[in-house]
């Protein structure tokens, strides 16, 4: 099995994890932590997929660092919502290279990916402690966007043939938002699997009414669509054409939503807390039309949900008892928002001047560090399928001979993509050459 980091390196990385302020996002110190989290994420995926010792998860649990990950996740969410739009509108901000900005945007995807991998385990959910409440709120925001189809996949985004670097970055951000929201579906499912906290259950059922949000997701199914008579489903980070015989086959995302509903509606603690009023009841009964024999054959536990809904249809459950509960409330989002309220434009201007205006030397150093972080052999082992052409998106077999970092299906695509790829190619290849020289000198 390929290795990104050894357990002793992972331990040092985990111990060093810390929370940042909004102003520090994108700084050199922040980027060093981003690299650590990126490596931890890749190693966690490798361990989980190979069913090896999940030492990254164990370390995050034992050092109590999962709340730090949740904080940093929400910090970037706020940055994208409040600062990124201001940066895009500043007239004097037109960077030659948007690489740093993209890495900040991508950071949220890295963390939610890591959380998706580790939250599968109950001890991770327990170790998240009070930050689970913040994570529930985060998942609710993402699922609500998903259910309203406010996020987009790449194929849904159409634009001008020529776009500025900032416009291209905005498109990339929207693409990532769709991916991130899908990851949030899985994270919520794992929380419903493991939590027995009254505060968390109350937050899910009473504050956010997530069962009704999940019903809407089942109904609109944003990871499935029809294109020119063909059914396509979003699997392994891309839209795939589904053969006729597999149209009714459940995807992983379908399964995550159904299991979440099963947990929230059939667990005794949840049933006692949830208000089955006429609105909620009518929404839940919509599920009966989706619970076909074909679906239940694929997830047999759903027969219990089917029975529950049949019973619900002919009864009017009593409203939940009014109980005096000392309820914990999430703090991270509110703290970040209140701490920076009224300062958004000032922080954006500071970051334009101090953070997102790197010199050529700084860019080369960052490219060098990234070349070490993204080990190509390891990256290939993480891919669920063959690489895609950097120009047209088709399956690719040819790699850029200079930087080895971009793929193409044919020569014409490589030539067409070269004006965009040229700068990155130069930085990455020079960084790789420098690393090789340093290794030769040291050996």
Protein backbone atom coordinates (compact mmCIF):
# COMPACT_ATOMS: atom_id res chain seq x y z
CA UNK A 1 0.00 0.00 0.00
CA UNK A 2 1.24 3.51 -0.86
CA UNK A 3 2.04 5.70 2.15
CA UNK A 4 1.74 9.45 2.39
CA UNK A 5 3.00 9.81 5.95
CA UNK A 6 4.24 7.46 8.63
CA UNK A 7 2.43 7.18 12.00
CA UNK A 8 5.15 9.18 13.75
CA UNK A 9 4.80 12.01 11.19
CA UNK A 10 1.00 11.87 11.48
CA UNK A 11 1.28 12.22 15.25
CA UNK A 12 3.41 15.38 14.90
CA UNK A 13 0.94 16.81 12.36
CA UNK A 14 -2.09 16.06 14.56
CA UNK A 15 -0.45 17.52 17.66
CA UNK A 16 0.32 20.74 15.77
CA UNK A 17 -3.29 21.36 14.60
CA UNK A 18 -4.67 24.67 15.85
CA UNK A 19 -7.53 27.07 15.19
CA UNK A 20 -6.98 30.24 13.16
CA UNK A 21 -8.70 33.61 12.99
CA UNK A 22 -10.45 34.69 9.80
CA UNK A 23 -7.73 37.27 9.13
CA UNK A 24 -5.04 34.54 9.16
CA UNK A 25 -6.68 32.42 6.44
CA UNK A 26 -4.22 32.04 3.56
CA UNK A 27 -1.17 33.08 5.60
CA UNK A 28 2.09 31.10 5.44
CA UNK A 29 1.33 29.48 8.81
CA UNK A 30 -2.20 28.62 7.69
CA UNK A 31 -0.82 27.04 4.49
CA UNK A 32 1.55 24.85 6.49
CA UNK A 33 -1.44 23.50 8.42
CA UNK A 34 -3.36 23.06 5.16
CA UNK A 35 -0.54 20.83 3.88
CA UNK A 36 -0.63 18.79 7.11
CA UNK A 37 -4.40 18.30 6.86
CA UNK A 38 -4.10 17.40 3.17
CA UNK A 39 -1.58 14.68 3.99
CA UNK A 40 -3.64 13.41 6.93
CA UNK A 41 -6.68 13.26 4.66
CA UNK A 42 -4.89 11.27 1.95
CA UNK A 43 -3.42 8.84 4.49
CA UNK A 44 -6.81 8.39 6.21
CA UNK A 45 -8.45 7.52 2.86
CA UNK A 46 -5.66 5.06 2.00
CA UNK A 47 -5.95 3.34 5.39
CA UNK A 48 -9.75 3.14 5.27
CA UNK A 49 -9.91 1.88 1.68
CA UNK A 50 -7.25 -0.78 2.35
CA UNK A 51 -8.84 -1.61 5.74
CA UNK A 52 -5.49 -1.08 7.45
CA UNK A 53 -4.82 0.38 10.89
CA UNK A 54 -6.58 3.77 10.82
CA UNK A 55 -3.90 5.55 12.80
CA UNK A 56 -4.90 9.03 11.54
CA UNK A 57 -8.37 8.60 13.02
CA UNK A 58 -6.94 7.21 16.27
CA UNK A 59 -4.58 10.16 16.64
CA UNK A 60 -7.28 12.75 15.96
CA UNK A 61 -9.45 11.07 18.59
CA UNK A 62 -6.76 10.62 21.24
CA UNK A 63 -5.42 14.19 20.92
CA UNK A 64 -8.92 15.70 20.87
CA UNK A 65 -8.38 17.49 17.55
CA UNK A 66 -11.69 16.77 15.81
CA UNK A 67 -13.24 20.00 17.21
CA UNK A 68 -10.29 21.86 15.64
CA UNK A 69 -11.14 20.35 12.25
CA UNK A 70 -14.80 21.36 12.66
CA UNK A 71 -13.77 24.92 13.56
CA UNK A 72 -11.50 25.21 10.52
CA UNK A 73 -14.25 23.80 8.30
CA UNK A 74 -16.72 26.46 9.45
CA UNK A 75 -14.03 29.17 9.28
CA UNK A 76 -13.56 28.55 5.55
CA UNK A 77 -17.33 28.36 5.05
CA UNK A 78 -17.61 31.87 6.55
CA UNK A 79 -14.61 33.06 4.51
CA UNK A 80 -16.25 31.85 1.30
CA UNK A 81 -19.57 33.43 2.21
CA UNK A 82 -18.34 36.78 3.51
CA UNK A 83 -14.85 37.55 2.20
CA UNK A 84 -14.58 35.77 -1.15
CA UNK A 85 -17.39 37.81 -2.80
CA UNK A 86 -15.75 41.06 -1.60
CA UNK A 87 -12.35 39.94 -2.97
CA UNK A 88 -13.96 39.18 -6.34
CA UNK A 89 -15.51 42.66 -6.51
CA UNK A 90 -12.45 44.71 -5.51
CA UNK A 91 -11.47 46.68 -8.61
CA UNK A 92 -7.77 46.77 -7.79
CA UNK A 93 -7.57 43.01 -7.28
CA UNK A 94 -6.73 41.13 -10.46
CA UNK A 95 -4.07 38.58 -9.52
CA UNK A 96 -1.96 36.90 -12.20
CA UNK A 97 -2.17 33.68 -10.24
CA UNK A 98 -5.24 32.54 -8.28
CA UNK A 99 -3.55 29.40 -7.01
CA UNK A 100 -3.53 30.55 -3.35
CA UNK A 101 -7.19 31.51 -3.44
CA UNK A 102 -8.12 28.17 -4.94
CA UNK A 103 -6.27 26.32 -2.19
CA UNK A 104 -8.26 28.22 0.45
CA UNK A 105 -11.52 27.32 -1.29
CA UNK A 106 -10.36 23.71 -1.62
CA UNK A 107 -9.50 23.53 2.09
CA UNK A 108 -13.17 23.10 3.03
CA UNK A 109 -13.43 20.10 0.68
CA UNK A 110 -10.30 18.55 2.21
CA UNK A 111 -11.62 18.81 5.76
CA UNK A 112 -15.14 17.53 5.00
CA UNK A 113 -13.51 14.64 3.14
CA UNK A 114 -11.38 13.80 6.19
CA UNK A 115 -14.41 14.07 8.49
CA UNK A 116 -16.42 11.80 6.19
CA UNK A 117 -13.68 9.18 6.50
CA UNK A 118 -13.28 9.30 10.28
CA UNK A 119 -16.87 9.99 11.41
CA UNK A 120 -17.82 6.52 10.20
CA UNK A 121 -16.51 5.41 13.62
CA UNK A 122 -18.43 6.02 16.85
CA UNK A 123 -15.34 7.05 18.82
CA UNK A 124 -14.80 9.93 16.37
CA UNK A 125 -18.34 11.15 16.95
CA UNK A 126 -17.82 10.88 20.71
CA UNK A 127 -14.45 12.69 20.50
CA UNK A 128 -16.04 15.54 18.52
CA UNK A 129 -17.81 16.40 21.78
CA UNK A 130 -19.82 19.67 21.65
CA UNK A 131 -18.55 20.44 18.13
CA UNK A 132 -21.02 17.82 16.82
CA UNK A 133 -23.69 20.49 17.30
CA UNK A 134 -21.72 22.87 15.07
CA UNK A 135 -21.26 20.05 12.56
CA UNK A 136 -25.02 19.34 12.56
CA UNK A 137 -25.69 23.03 11.80
CA UNK A 138 -23.08 22.93 9.03
CA UNK A 139 -24.66 19.82 7.48
CA UNK A 140 -28.09 21.42 7.69
CA UNK A 141 -26.86 24.47 5.75
CA UNK A 142 -25.30 22.28 3.05
CA UNK A 143 -28.29 19.91 2.75
CA UNK A 144 -30.71 22.82 2.52
CA UNK A 145 -28.69 24.26 -0.38
CA UNK A 146 -28.59 20.83 -2.00
CA UNK A 147 -32.33 20.30 -1.62
CA UNK A 148 -33.03 23.71 -3.15
CA UNK A 149 -30.62 22.88 -6.00
CA UNK A 150 -28.65 26.01 -5.15
CA UNK A 151 -25.38 24.11 -5.63
CA UNK A 152 -24.17 23.05 -9.05
CA UNK A 153 -22.09 20.35 -10.61
CA UNK A 154 -19.51 21.26 -13.21
CA UNK A 155 -21.66 20.17 -16.14
CA UNK A 156 -24.44 22.52 -15.03
CA UNK A 157 -22.20 25.57 -15.19
CA UNK A 158 -22.15 27.38 -18.45
CA UNK A 159 -20.27 30.58 -19.06
CA UNK A 160 -18.50 32.77 -21.55
CA UNK A 161 -15.89 31.17 -23.77
CA UNK A 162 -13.28 33.49 -22.27
CA UNK A 163 -13.41 34.12 -18.56
CA UNK A 164 -11.13 36.05 -16.23
CA UNK A 165 -9.08 34.23 -13.60
CA UNK A 166 -11.47 35.44 -10.88
CA UNK A 167 -14.53 34.28 -12.85
CA UNK A 168 -12.92 30.89 -13.38
CA UNK A 169 -12.26 30.71 -9.65
CA UNK A 170 -15.94 31.45 -8.92
CA UNK A 171 -16.94 28.58 -11.23
CA UNK A 172 -14.49 26.25 -9.49
CA UNK A 173 -15.91 27.30 -6.12
CA UNK A 174 -19.44 26.42 -7.26
CA UNK A 175 -18.24 23.02 -8.51
CA UNK A 176 -16.64 22.32 -5.14
CA UNK A 177 -19.76 23.47 -3.28
CA UNK A 178 -21.75 20.68 -4.92
CA UNK A 179 -19.12 18.09 -3.92
CA UNK A 180 -18.91 19.42 -0.37
CA UNK A 181 -22.69 19.30 0.06
CA UNK A 182 -22.73 15.66 -1.03
CA UNK A 183 -20.05 14.85 1.56
CA UNK A 184 -22.21 16.55 4.21
CA UNK A 185 -24.96 13.99 3.45
CA UNK A 186 -22.62 11.19 4.55
CA UNK A 187 -21.34 13.06 7.61
CA UNK A 188 -24.91 13.64 8.82
CA UNK A 189 -25.73 9.96 8.34
CA UNK A 190 -22.78 8.95 10.58
CA UNK A 191 -23.88 11.41 13.25
CA UNK A 192 -27.39 9.86 13.21
CA UNK A 193 -25.76 6.42 13.50
CA UNK A 194 -23.77 7.22 16.61
CA UNK A 195 -25.15 10.10 18.63
CA UNK A 196 -27.26 9.61 21.74
CA UNK A 197 -26.85 13.21 22.95
CA UNK A 198 -30.21 14.81 23.77
CA UNK A 199 -28.89 18.20 22.59
CA UNK A 200 -27.77 16.80 19.23
CA UNK A 201 -31.03 14.90 18.69
CA UNK A 202 -33.01 18.01 19.63
CA UNK A 203 -30.96 20.11 17.21
CA UNK A 204 -31.50 17.65 14.35
CA UNK A 205 -35.22 17.08 14.92
CA UNK A 206 -36.65 20.19 16.55
CA UNK A 207 -34.38 23.08 15.53
CA UNK A 208 -33.70 22.05 11.94
CA UNK A 209 -36.43 19.47 11.21
CA UNK A 210 -33.90 17.48 9.19
CA UNK A 211 -36.31 14.58 8.46
CA UNK A 212 -38.27 16.95 6.21
CA UNK A 213 -35.06 18.18 4.53
CA UNK A 214 -34.12 14.55 3.86
CA UNK A 215 -37.57 13.86 2.38
CA UNK A 216 -36.98 16.78 0.00
CA UNK A 217 -33.60 15.29 -0.98
CA UNK A 218 -35.26 11.95 -1.75
CA UNK A 219 -37.85 13.78 -3.83
CA UNK A 220 -35.54 16.04 -5.87
CA UNK A 221 -32.49 13.68 -5.88
CA UNK A 222 -29.92 16.31 -6.99
CA UNK A 223 -27.32 13.60 -7.75
CA UNK A 224 -29.52 12.15 -10.52
CA UNK A 225 -30.71 13.77 -13.76
CA UNK A 226 -31.95 13.12 -17.29
CA UNK A 227 -29.88 14.36 -20.21
CA UNK A 228 -31.11 13.87 -23.79
CA UNK A 229 -33.15 10.86 -22.78
CA UNK A 230 -30.34 9.28 -20.76
CA UNK A 231 -30.33 8.86 -16.99
CA UNK A 232 -27.12 10.12 -15.36
CA UNK A 233 -26.05 9.82 -11.74
CA UNK A 234 -23.26 11.59 -9.89
CA UNK A 235 -20.89 8.81 -8.81
CA UNK A 236 -17.19 9.12 -7.89
CA UNK A 237 -17.18 12.88 -8.47
CA UNK A 238 -18.60 12.83 -11.99
CA UNK A 239 -21.84 12.38 -13.91
CA UNK A 240 -22.08 8.87 -15.28
CA UNK A 241 -24.54 7.54 -17.83
CA UNK A 242 -26.53 4.71 -16.24
CA UNK A 243 -27.58 1.71 -18.37
CA UNK A 244 -31.33 0.99 -18.44
CA UNK A 245 -31.01 -2.14 -16.30
CA UNK A 246 -29.38 -0.09 -13.51
CA UNK A 247 -31.83 2.85 -13.42
CA UNK A 248 -33.37 1.65 -10.15
CA UNK A 249 -30.05 0.74 -8.56
CA UNK A 250 -29.41 2.67 -5.36
CA UNK A 251 -26.33 4.88 -5.24
CA UNK A 252 -24.27 5.39 -2.09
CA UNK A 253 -25.85 8.83 -1.63
CA UNK A 254 -29.38 7.40 -1.87
CA UNK A 255 -28.40 4.89 0.80
CA UNK A 256 -26.98 7.56 3.12
CA UNK A 257 -30.23 9.57 3.01
CA UNK A 258 -32.44 6.50 3.61
CA UNK A 259 -30.29 5.30 6.52
CA UNK A 260 -30.42 8.79 8.08
CA UNK A 261 -34.22 8.75 7.83
CA UNK A 262 -34.33 5.22 9.26
CA UNK A 263 -32.23 6.32 12.25
CA UNK A 264 -34.18 9.52 12.89
CA UNK A 265 -37.66 8.01 12.61
CA UNK A 266 -37.20 4.60 14.23
CA UNK A 267 -34.86 5.21 17.16
CA UNK A 268 -36.87 5.43 20.37
CA UNK A 269 -35.17 8.62 21.59
CA UNK A 270 -35.88 10.30 18.27
CA UNK A 271 -39.53 9.23 18.14
CA UNK A 272 -40.04 10.66 21.61
CA UNK A 273 -38.60 14.05 20.59
CA UNK A 274 -40.04 14.53 17.10
CA UNK A 275 -43.29 16.38 16.58
CA UNK A 276 -45.40 14.36 14.13
CA UNK A 277 -47.71 17.30 13.46
CA UNK A 278 -49.85 17.40 10.31
CA UNK A 279 -47.18 19.13 8.19
CA UNK A 280 -44.37 16.78 9.24
CA UNK A 281 -46.63 13.76 8.93
CA UNK A 282 -47.71 14.69 5.39
CA UNK A 283 -44.09 15.25 4.36
CA UNK A 284 -42.96 11.89 5.77
CA UNK A 285 -45.80 10.00 4.13
CA UNK A 286 -44.45 11.10 0.74
CA UNK A 287 -41.71 8.51 1.34
CA UNK A 288 -44.18 5.65 0.89
CA UNK A 289 -44.22 6.19 -2.87
CA UNK A 290 -40.43 5.71 -3.03
CA UNK A 291 -40.32 2.56 -0.86
CA UNK A 292 -40.69 0.06 -3.69
CA UNK A 293 -39.85 -3.65 -3.56
CA UNK A 294 -36.76 -3.00 -5.69
CA UNK A 295 -35.49 -0.39 -3.19
CA UNK A 296 -36.21 -2.56 -0.14
CA UNK A 297 -34.43 -5.53 -1.78
CA UNK A 298 -31.29 -3.38 -1.88
CA UNK A 299 -31.65 -2.10 1.70
CA UNK A 300 -33.80 -4.66 3.57
CA UNK A 301 -33.93 -2.65 6.83
CA UNK A 302 -36.23 -0.21 5.06
CA UNK A 303 -39.10 -2.69 5.46
CA UNK A 304 -39.25 -1.50 9.09
CA UNK A 305 -39.48 2.10 7.92
CA UNK A 306 -42.25 1.06 5.52
CA UNK A 307 -44.21 -0.52 8.39
CA UNK A 308 -43.70 2.58 10.54
CA UNK A 309 -45.04 4.85 7.80
CA UNK A 310 -48.05 2.59 7.26
CA UNK A 311 -48.82 2.88 10.97
CA UNK A 312 -48.24 6.66 10.93
CA UNK A 313 -50.74 7.01 8.07
CA UNK A 314 -53.62 5.76 10.26
CA UNK A 315 -52.62 7.36 13.58
CA UNK A 316 -52.09 10.83 14.99
CA UNK A 317 -49.16 10.58 17.42
CA UNK A 318 -49.37 12.79 20.49
CA UNK A 319 -47.08 15.84 20.44
CA UNK A 320 -43.83 15.38 22.37
CA UNK A 321 -43.90 16.18 26.05
CA UNK A 322 -42.65 19.59 27.04
CA UNK A 323 -39.48 18.91 28.98
CA UNK A 324 -37.13 21.30 30.71
CA UNK A 325 -33.81 20.64 29.04
CA UNK A 326 -30.51 22.36 29.64
CA UNK A 327 -29.59 22.36 25.99
CA UNK A 328 -26.11 22.99 24.64
CA UNK A 329 -25.96 25.27 21.63
CA UNK A 330 -23.37 25.45 18.84
CA UNK A 331 -20.90 28.30 19.20
CA UNK A 332 -18.37 28.26 16.36
CA UNK A 333 -20.39 29.92 13.57
CA UNK A 334 -21.80 32.60 15.87
CA UNK A 335 -18.39 33.30 17.41
CA UNK A 336 -16.66 33.72 14.03
CA UNK A 337 -19.49 35.91 12.73
CA UNK A 338 -19.69 38.16 15.80
CA UNK A 339 -15.89 38.45 16.11
CA UNK A 340 -15.60 39.74 12.53
CA UNK A 341 -18.90 41.60 12.15
CA UNK A 342 -18.43 44.94 10.41
CA UNK A 343 -14.82 44.09 9.50
CA UNK A 344 -15.41 42.05 6.34
CA UNK A 345 -14.17 44.66 3.83
CA UNK A 346 -11.19 45.63 5.98
CA UNK A 347 -10.11 41.98 6.32
CA UNK A 348 -10.58 41.42 2.56
CA UNK A 349 -8.38 44.45 1.77
CA UNK A 350 -5.76 43.27 4.25
CA UNK A 351 -5.69 39.82 2.64
CA UNK A 352 -5.38 41.29 -0.85
CA UNK A 353 -2.34 43.26 0.25
CA UNK A 354 -0.65 40.83 2.63
CA UNK A 355 -1.84 37.33 1.70
CA UNK A 356 -3.08 36.93 -1.87
CA UNK A 357 -0.42 38.97 -3.63
CA UNK A 358 2.54 36.53 -3.58
CA UNK A 359 5.85 37.23 -5.25
CA UNK A 360 7.23 34.92 -7.93
CA UNK A 361 9.61 33.53 -5.31
CA UNK A 362 6.74 32.78 -2.88
CA UNK A 363 4.81 31.02 -5.64
CA UNK A 364 7.80 28.85 -6.49
CA UNK A 365 8.24 27.89 -2.84
CA UNK A 366 4.57 26.97 -2.57
CA UNK A 367 4.72 24.93 -5.76
CA UNK A 368 7.76 23.13 -4.37
CA UNK A 369 5.93 22.28 -1.15
CA UNK A 370 2.88 21.10 -3.09
CA UNK A 371 4.99 18.86 -5.27
CA UNK A 372 6.06 17.13 -2.05
CA UNK A 373 2.51 17.03 -0.65
CA UNK A 374 0.84 15.62 -3.75
CA UNK A 375 2.97 12.56 -4.42
CA UNK A 376 1.83 11.48 -7.89
CA UNK A 377 1.90 7.72 -7.25
CA UNK A 378 -0.17 8.18 -4.10
CA UNK A 379 -2.61 10.52 -5.84
CA UNK A 380 -3.17 7.94 -8.58
CA UNK A 381 -3.90 5.25 -5.99
CA UNK A 382 -6.59 7.53 -4.50
CA UNK A 383 -8.38 7.97 -7.81
CA UNK A 384 -11.54 5.82 -8.08
CA UNK A 385 -11.08 5.58 -11.84
CA UNK A 386 -8.84 6.63 -14.72
CA UNK A 387 -7.76 10.29 -14.92
CA UNK A 388 -9.66 12.82 -17.04
CA UNK A 389 -8.45 15.16 -19.76
CA UNK A 390 -7.64 18.64 -18.42
CA UNK A 391 -9.18 20.21 -21.54
CA UNK A 392 -12.31 18.25 -22.52
CA UNK A 393 -12.90 16.00 -19.49
CA UNK A 394 -12.78 12.70 -21.40
CA UNK A 395 -10.80 9.69 -20.16
CA UNK A 396 -7.10 10.47 -20.53
CA UNK A 397 -4.04 8.31 -21.12
CA UNK A 398 -1.34 10.91 -21.83
CA UNK A 399 0.36 12.95 -19.12
CA UNK A 400 2.14 16.29 -19.47
CA UNK A 401 5.75 15.19 -19.95
CA UNK A 402 7.19 18.21 -18.18
CA UNK A 403 5.27 18.56 -14.89
CA UNK A 404 3.59 15.12 -14.87
CA UNK A 405 0.62 16.77 -13.16
CA UNK A 406 -1.97 17.17 -15.94
CA UNK A 407 -3.60 14.58 -18.19
CA UNK A 408 -4.89 14.73 -21.77
CA UNK A 409 -6.77 12.43 -24.11
CA UNK A 410 -5.00 13.66 -27.26
CA UNK A 411 -2.39 16.10 -28.55
CA UNK A 412 -5.00 18.65 -29.73
CA UNK A 413 -6.41 18.99 -26.20
CA UNK A 414 -2.94 19.50 -24.76
CA UNK A 415 -2.19 22.28 -27.26
CA UNK A 416 -5.56 23.94 -26.61
CA UNK A 417 -5.07 23.81 -22.82
CA UNK A 418 -1.44 24.98 -22.86
CA UNK A 419 -2.10 28.76 -22.39
CA UNK A 420 -3.90 27.98 -19.11
CA UNK A 421 -1.54 25.22 -18.02
CA UNK A 422 1.76 26.93 -18.93
CA UNK A 423 2.28 28.91 -15.69
CA UNK A 424 1.39 26.04 -13.36
CA UNK A 425 3.46 23.61 -15.43
CA UNK A 426 6.53 25.84 -15.15
CA UNK A 427 6.15 26.29 -11.39
CA UNK A 428 5.53 22.60 -10.68
CA UNK A 429 8.32 21.30 -12.91
CA UNK A 430 10.86 23.75 -11.49
CA UNK A 431 9.82 22.80 -7.96
CA UNK A 432 10.15 19.10 -8.75
CA UNK A 433 13.59 19.66 -10.29
CA UNK A 434 14.69 21.59 -7.18
CA UNK A 435 13.47 18.82 -4.88
CA UNK A 436 15.40 16.27 -6.96
CA UNK A 437 18.57 18.42 -6.82
CA UNK A 438 18.21 18.79 -3.03
CA UNK A 439 17.78 15.03 -2.66
CA UNK A 440 20.90 14.40 -4.76
CA UNK A 441 22.92 16.89 -2.71
CA UNK A 442 21.76 15.39 0.60
CA UNK A 443 22.46 11.85 -0.54
